[in-house]
């Protein structure tokens, strides 16, 4: 079975992107960060990547590659470390 990776192009008018915009914001809330910090140190960026991967039914490695190549995607989910 061959997996086709869809390009992750941010489209603010698409309802999926509108919904996805709200999910990573929850990870940035101070209370949520404190809860997450109890378990791991760098879990917020990982959660953002995994959430994006699940949301678009694609591999995590594909999301990471897209983040490396697309500044608008990094800005969209609030991830600037790649």
C-alpha atoms as a PDB file:
ATOM      1  CA  UNK A   1       0.000   0.000   0.000  1.00  0.00           C
ATOM      2  CA  UNK A   2       1.475   3.326  -1.087  1.00  0.00           C
ATOM      3  CA  UNK A   3       0.874   6.317   1.118  1.00  0.00           C
ATOM      4  CA  UNK A   4       0.372   9.664  -0.596  1.00  0.00           C
ATOM      5  CA  UNK A   5       1.345  12.675   1.459  1.00  0.00           C
ATOM      6  CA  UNK A   6      -0.901  15.646   0.943  1.00  0.00           C
ATOM      7  CA  UNK A   7       0.784  19.038   1.084  1.00  0.00           C
ATOM      8  CA  UNK A   8      -0.086  20.915   4.236  1.00  0.00           C
ATOM      9  CA  UNK A   9      -0.893  24.326   2.788  1.00  0.00           C
ATOM     10  CA  UNK A  10      -2.478  26.687   5.284  1.00  0.00           C
ATOM     11  CA  UNK A  11      -5.833  27.996   4.066  1.00  0.00           C
ATOM     12  CA  UNK A  12      -7.515  30.266   6.588  1.00  0.00           C
ATOM     13  CA  UNK A  13     -10.877  29.860   4.828  1.00  0.00           C
ATOM     14  CA  UNK A  14     -10.911  26.062   5.167  1.00  0.00           C
ATOM     15  CA  UNK A  15     -12.887  24.925   8.229  1.00  0.00           C
ATOM     16  CA  UNK A  16     -10.288  22.240   9.017  1.00  0.00           C
ATOM     17  CA  UNK A  17      -7.574  24.860   9.351  1.00  0.00           C
ATOM     18  CA  UNK A  18      -9.871  27.091  11.390  1.00  0.00           C
ATOM     19  CA  UNK A  19     -10.489  24.247  13.812  1.00  0.00           C
ATOM     20  CA  UNK A  20      -6.837  23.187  13.891  1.00  0.00           C
ATOM     21  CA  UNK A  21      -5.815  26.772  14.700  1.00  0.00           C
ATOM     22  CA  UNK A  22      -7.650  26.526  18.028  1.00  0.00           C
ATOM     23  CA  UNK A  23      -6.177  23.196  19.148  1.00  0.00           C
ATOM     24  CA  UNK A  24      -2.477  24.186  19.421  1.00  0.00           C
ATOM     25  CA  UNK A  25      -3.493  27.393  21.210  1.00  0.00           C
ATOM     26  CA  UNK A  26      -4.811  25.276  24.065  1.00  0.00           C
ATOM     27  CA  UNK A  27      -1.321  23.799  24.510  1.00  0.00           C
ATOM     28  CA  UNK A  28       0.050  27.335  24.968  1.00  0.00           C
ATOM     29  CA  UNK A  29      -2.185  28.164  27.929  1.00  0.00           C
ATOM     30  CA  UNK A  30      -0.202  28.509  31.144  1.00  0.00           C
ATOM     31  CA  UNK A  31      -2.347  26.041  33.072  1.00  0.00           C
ATOM     32  CA  UNK A  32      -2.046  23.409  30.338  1.00  0.00           C
ATOM     33  CA  UNK A  33       1.725  23.917  30.125  1.00  0.00           C
ATOM     34  CA  UNK A  34       2.030  23.355  33.874  1.00  0.00           C
ATOM     35  CA  UNK A  35       0.081  20.115  33.657  1.00  0.00           C
ATOM     36  CA  UNK A  36       2.116  18.900  30.694  1.00  0.00           C
ATOM     37  CA  UNK A  37       5.410  19.873  32.370  1.00  0.00           C
ATOM     38  CA  UNK A  38       4.700  17.375  35.130  1.00  0.00           C
ATOM     39  CA  UNK A  39       5.181  14.559  32.654  1.00  0.00           C
ATOM     40  CA  UNK A  40       7.828  15.708  30.166  1.00  0.00           C
ATOM     41  CA  UNK A  41       9.936  18.753  29.391  1.00  0.00           C
ATOM     42  CA  UNK A  42       9.409  19.292  25.664  1.00  0.00           C
ATOM     43  CA  UNK A  43       6.006  17.792  25.131  1.00  0.00           C
ATOM     44  CA  UNK A  44       4.136  20.887  23.876  1.00  0.00           C
ATOM     45  CA  UNK A  45       5.927  21.003  20.475  1.00  0.00           C
ATOM     46  CA  UNK A  46       5.513  17.251  20.156  1.00  0.00           C
ATOM     47  CA  UNK A  47       1.800  17.490  20.946  1.00  0.00           C
ATOM     48  CA  UNK A  48       1.367  20.157  18.270  1.00  0.00           C
ATOM     49  CA  UNK A  49       3.089  17.977  15.669  1.00  0.00           C
ATOM     50  CA  UNK A  50       1.176  14.835  16.649  1.00  0.00           C
ATOM     51  CA  UNK A  51      -2.140  16.725  16.671  1.00  0.00           C
ATOM     52  CA  UNK A  52      -1.487  18.090  13.186  1.00  0.00           C
ATOM     53  CA  UNK A  53      -0.540  14.608  11.993  1.00  0.00           C
ATOM     54  CA  UNK A  54      -3.706  13.053  13.397  1.00  0.00           C
ATOM     55  CA  UNK A  55      -5.888  15.886  12.137  1.00  0.00           C
ATOM     56  CA  UNK A  56      -4.782  15.348   8.530  1.00  0.00           C
ATOM     57  CA  UNK A  57      -4.288  11.557   8.798  1.00  0.00           C
ATOM     58  CA  UNK A  58      -0.683  11.711   7.752  1.00  0.00           C
ATOM     59  CA  UNK A  59       2.636  10.535   9.152  1.00  0.00           C
ATOM     60  CA  UNK A  60       4.457  12.522  11.803  1.00  0.00           C
ATOM     61  CA  UNK A  61       7.579  12.547   9.626  1.00  0.00           C
ATOM     62  CA  UNK A  62       5.556  14.201   6.855  1.00  0.00           C
ATOM     63  CA  UNK A  63       4.361  16.932   9.228  1.00  0.00           C
ATOM     64  CA  UNK A  64       7.947  17.537  10.367  1.00  0.00           C
ATOM     65  CA  UNK A  65       9.137  17.816   6.757  1.00  0.00           C
ATOM     66  CA  UNK A  66       6.325  20.223   5.964  1.00  0.00           C
ATOM     67  CA  UNK A  67       7.191  22.306   9.033  1.00  0.00           C
ATOM     68  CA  UNK A  68      10.820  22.484   7.930  1.00  0.00           C
ATOM     69  CA  UNK A  69       9.833  23.650   4.463  1.00  0.00           C
ATOM     70  CA  UNK A  70       6.907  25.977   5.145  1.00  0.00           C
ATOM     71  CA  UNK A  71       7.247  29.080   7.245  1.00  0.00           C
ATOM     72  CA  UNK A  72       3.508  29.792   7.131  1.00  0.00           C
ATOM     73  CA  UNK A  73       2.776  26.372   8.641  1.00  0.00           C
ATOM     74  CA  UNK A  74       5.309  26.978  11.438  1.00  0.00           C
ATOM     75  CA  UNK A  75       3.708  30.342  12.163  1.00  0.00           C
ATOM     76  CA  UNK A  76       0.221  28.846  12.005  1.00  0.00           C
ATOM     77  CA  UNK A  77       0.795  26.273  14.727  1.00  0.00           C
ATOM     78  CA  UNK A  78       3.195  28.495  16.659  1.00  0.00           C
ATOM     79  CA  UNK A  79       6.280  26.353  16.213  1.00  0.00           C
ATOM     80  CA  UNK A  80       9.507  28.089  15.303  1.00  0.00           C
ATOM     81  CA  UNK A  81      12.235  25.635  16.339  1.00  0.00           C
ATOM     82  CA  UNK A  82      12.661  23.791  13.023  1.00  0.00           C
END
